[in-house]
Amino acid sequence: MEITLGTFLALGAILFGIGAIGFLVRRNVLIQLMSIELMLNAVNVVLVAVNRYHPDNHAGQIFAFFVIAVAAAEAAVGLAIVIGLFRLKKSVSAADANLMKH
């Protein structure tokens, strides 16, 4: 059985869907950050898969590296915000993050 581009696209769509549902349903900020990472990795799967089937251009792999760098920066900033939220509210709920305005 040969793995086709459609298989990779389906995998990316499933991973992205799981990440989107996890972000929208859960109220825990850590789970939401992990869901965002899952969505970014789903995009990376699609970028590298498309690049595999069009080997003359390496733009997909280069763009995937930039997505990885953005994901690392997002994780660092997001975790710093979560630590600040936990120190103030003793909770990592998204509902408590709204209370930080006051």
Protein backbone atom coordinates (compact mmCIF):
# COMPACT_ATOMS: atom_id res chain seq x y z
CA MET A 1 0.00 0.00 0.00
CA GLU A 2 1.42 3.34 -1.03
CA ILE A 3 0.82 6.40 1.10
CA THR A 4 -0.57 9.13 -1.12
CA LEU A 5 -0.83 12.87 -0.70
CA GLY A 6 -4.50 12.47 0.20
CA THR A 7 -3.54 10.31 3.18
CA PHE A 8 -1.26 13.02 4.52
CA LEU A 9 -3.88 15.69 3.91
CA ALA A 10 -6.48 13.61 5.75
CA LEU A 11 -4.08 13.11 8.67
CA GLY A 12 -3.41 16.85 8.80
CA ALA A 13 -7.13 17.63 8.70
CA ILE A 14 -7.88 15.16 11.49
CA LEU A 15 -5.08 16.53 13.68
CA PHE A 16 -6.17 20.10 13.01
CA GLY A 17 -9.77 19.21 13.85
CA ILE A 18 -8.77 17.57 17.12
CA GLY A 19 -6.72 20.64 18.02
CA ALA A 20 -9.53 23.04 17.13
CA ILE A 21 -12.09 21.09 19.13
CA GLY A 22 -9.68 20.86 22.06
CA PHE A 23 -9.12 24.61 21.97
CA LEU A 24 -12.80 25.48 21.77
CA VAL A 25 -14.13 22.96 24.29
CA ARG A 26 -11.58 23.00 27.09
CA ARG A 27 -11.23 25.93 29.50
CA ASN A 28 -7.82 24.96 30.88
CA VAL A 29 -5.22 27.31 29.42
CA LEU A 30 -2.53 24.60 29.31
CA ILE A 31 -4.82 22.31 27.30
CA GLN A 32 -5.59 25.21 24.98
CA LEU A 33 -1.88 25.83 24.41
CA MET A 34 -1.34 22.14 23.64
CA SER A 35 -4.26 22.27 21.21
CA ILE A 36 -2.68 25.22 19.40
CA GLU A 37 0.57 23.26 19.15
CA LEU A 38 -1.35 20.31 17.71
CA MET A 39 -2.90 22.56 15.07
CA LEU A 40 0.50 24.00 14.15
CA ASN A 41 1.95 20.49 13.83
CA ALA A 42 -0.97 19.50 11.60
CA VAL A 43 -0.06 22.39 9.30
CA ASN A 44 3.56 21.20 9.32
CA VAL A 45 2.47 17.70 8.27
CA VAL A 46 0.59 19.16 5.32
CA LEU A 47 3.44 21.47 4.31
CA VAL A 48 6.04 18.71 4.34
CA ALA A 49 3.71 16.26 2.58
CA VAL A 50 2.99 18.69 -0.24
CA ASN A 51 6.71 19.39 -0.49
CA ARG A 52 7.39 15.65 -0.76
CA TYR A 53 5.14 15.33 -3.78
CA HIS A 54 6.56 18.49 -5.40
CA PRO A 55 10.31 17.97 -4.83
CA ASP A 56 11.50 20.75 -7.14
CA ASN A 57 10.63 23.44 -4.60
CA HIS A 58 11.58 23.29 -0.91
CA ALA A 59 9.31 26.13 0.18
CA GLY A 60 7.10 23.77 2.20
CA GLN A 61 9.95 22.55 4.37
CA ILE A 62 11.35 26.05 4.82
CA PHE A 63 7.95 27.37 5.82
CA ALA A 64 7.56 24.43 8.23
CA PHE A 65 10.77 25.50 9.98
CA PHE A 66 9.33 28.99 10.43
CA VAL A 67 6.14 27.50 11.85
CA ILE A 68 8.23 25.51 14.33
CA ALA A 69 10.04 28.70 15.39
CA VAL A 70 6.72 30.52 15.87
CA ALA A 71 5.40 27.56 17.86
CA ALA A 72 8.43 27.65 20.16
CA ALA A 73 7.99 31.38 20.75
CA GLU A 74 4.26 30.91 21.34
CA ALA A 75 4.93 28.16 23.87
CA ALA A 76 7.48 30.26 25.76
CA VAL A 77 5.27 33.36 25.94
CA GLY A 78 2.15 31.31 26.64
CA LEU A 79 3.74 29.42 29.50
CA ALA A 80 5.03 32.68 31.00
CA ILE A 81 1.48 34.05 30.92
CA VAL A 82 0.11 30.84 32.46
CA ILE A 83 2.68 31.02 35.27
CA GLY A 84 1.71 34.64 35.93
CA LEU A 85 -1.98 33.68 35.95
CA PHE A 86 -1.35 30.83 38.35
CA ARG A 87 0.63 33.06 40.72
CA LEU A 88 -2.20 35.61 40.85
CA LYS A 89 -5.30 33.40 40.78
CA LYS A 90 -4.02 29.95 41.86
CA SER A 91 -5.84 28.55 38.83
CA VAL A 92 -5.15 28.01 35.13
CA SER A 93 -8.73 28.38 33.96
CA ALA A 94 -9.47 30.64 30.99
CA ALA A 95 -12.37 32.16 32.92
CA ASP A 96 -9.95 33.39 35.57
CA ALA A 97 -7.74 34.97 32.93
CA ASN A 98 -10.57 37.35 32.09
CA LEU A 99 -10.48 38.61 35.68
CA MET A 100 -6.88 39.84 35.28
CA LYS A 101 -8.17 43.04 33.65
CA HIS A 102 -9.17 44.45 37.04
